[in-house]
Amino acid sequence: MMIVLWFLLIIILSVLTKWHANYLMKQQKYYITKLIVTISCAIQLIFIYALVKEIIRYLTQILNVFYR
């Protein structure tokens, strides 16, 4: 269940960042746009780390079945 949650959070953050970046680019605020995109990438990195952590937990359970 947490895998789906992390995946949805990554998608939602990507969509919101794209929308906000396009809005700021229309107003020609390039430095703020770069800052928003950089912060979003850092947050997405944390989300991806948590997603991989959840996936690895399930993979170890699956591989443990084959080991026994």
Protein backbone atom coordinates (compact mmCIF):
# COMPACT_ATOMS: atom_id res chain seq x y z
CA MET A 1 0.00 0.00 0.00
CA MET A 2 2.84 2.38 0.79
CA ILE A 3 4.32 1.74 -2.65
CA VAL A 4 1.20 3.14 -4.26
CA LEU A 5 1.21 6.11 -1.89
CA TRP A 6 4.84 7.01 -2.65
CA PHE A 7 4.21 6.57 -6.37
CA LEU A 8 1.17 8.87 -6.24
CA LEU A 9 3.06 11.48 -4.21
CA ILE A 10 5.84 11.53 -6.81
CA ILE A 11 3.35 11.98 -9.65
CA ILE A 12 1.37 14.67 -7.82
CA LEU A 13 4.53 16.61 -6.96
CA SER A 14 5.71 16.39 -10.58
CA VAL A 15 2.42 17.69 -11.93
CA LEU A 16 2.24 20.53 -9.40
CA THR A 17 5.84 21.51 -10.11
CA LYS A 18 5.24 21.57 -13.85
CA TRP A 19 2.12 23.67 -13.43
CA HIS A 20 3.84 26.12 -11.08
CA ALA A 21 6.97 26.33 -13.24
CA ASN A 22 4.92 27.09 -16.35
CA TYR A 23 3.02 29.77 -14.44
CA LEU A 24 6.26 31.39 -13.27
CA MET A 25 7.86 31.16 -16.73
CA LYS A 26 4.93 33.08 -18.22
CA GLN A 27 5.69 35.85 -15.73
CA GLN A 28 9.39 35.65 -16.66
CA LYS A 29 10.56 34.81 -13.13
CA TYR A 30 13.38 32.52 -14.16
CA TYR A 31 15.39 32.39 -10.93
CA ILE A 32 12.35 31.57 -8.80
CA THR A 33 11.43 28.88 -11.33
CA LYS A 34 14.88 27.33 -11.03
CA LEU A 35 14.59 27.40 -7.24
CA ILE A 36 11.16 25.75 -7.27
CA VAL A 37 12.31 23.02 -9.67
CA THR A 38 15.46 22.36 -7.61
CA ILE A 39 13.51 22.07 -4.36
CA SER A 40 10.99 19.80 -6.06
CA CYS A 41 13.77 17.54 -7.33
CA ALA A 42 15.23 17.28 -3.83
CA ILE A 43 11.85 16.35 -2.38
CA GLN A 44 11.26 13.82 -5.16
CA LEU A 45 14.63 12.25 -4.40
CA ILE A 46 13.47 11.65 -0.83
CA PHE A 47 10.18 10.20 -2.10
CA ILE A 48 12.03 7.91 -4.52
CA TYR A 49 14.32 6.75 -1.70
CA ALA A 50 11.26 5.82 0.37
CA LEU A 51 9.68 4.09 -2.64
CA VAL A 52 12.77 1.99 -3.29
CA LYS A 53 12.98 1.15 0.41
CA GLU A 54 9.42 -0.22 0.32
CA ILE A 55 10.06 -2.15 -2.91
CA ILE A 56 13.22 -3.72 -1.48
CA ARG A 57 11.28 -4.92 1.57
CA TYR A 58 8.86 -6.84 -0.67
CA LEU A 59 11.67 -8.13 -2.87
CA THR A 60 13.50 -9.58 0.11
CA GLN A 61 10.32 -11.36 1.22
CA ILE A 62 9.85 -12.81 -2.27
CA LEU A 63 13.49 -13.89 -2.54
CA ASN A 64 13.34 -15.37 0.94
CA VAL A 65 10.61 -17.74 -0.28
CA PHE A 66 12.91 -19.04 -3.01
CA TYR A 67 15.80 -19.38 -0.58
CA ARG A 68 13.93 -21.75 1.74
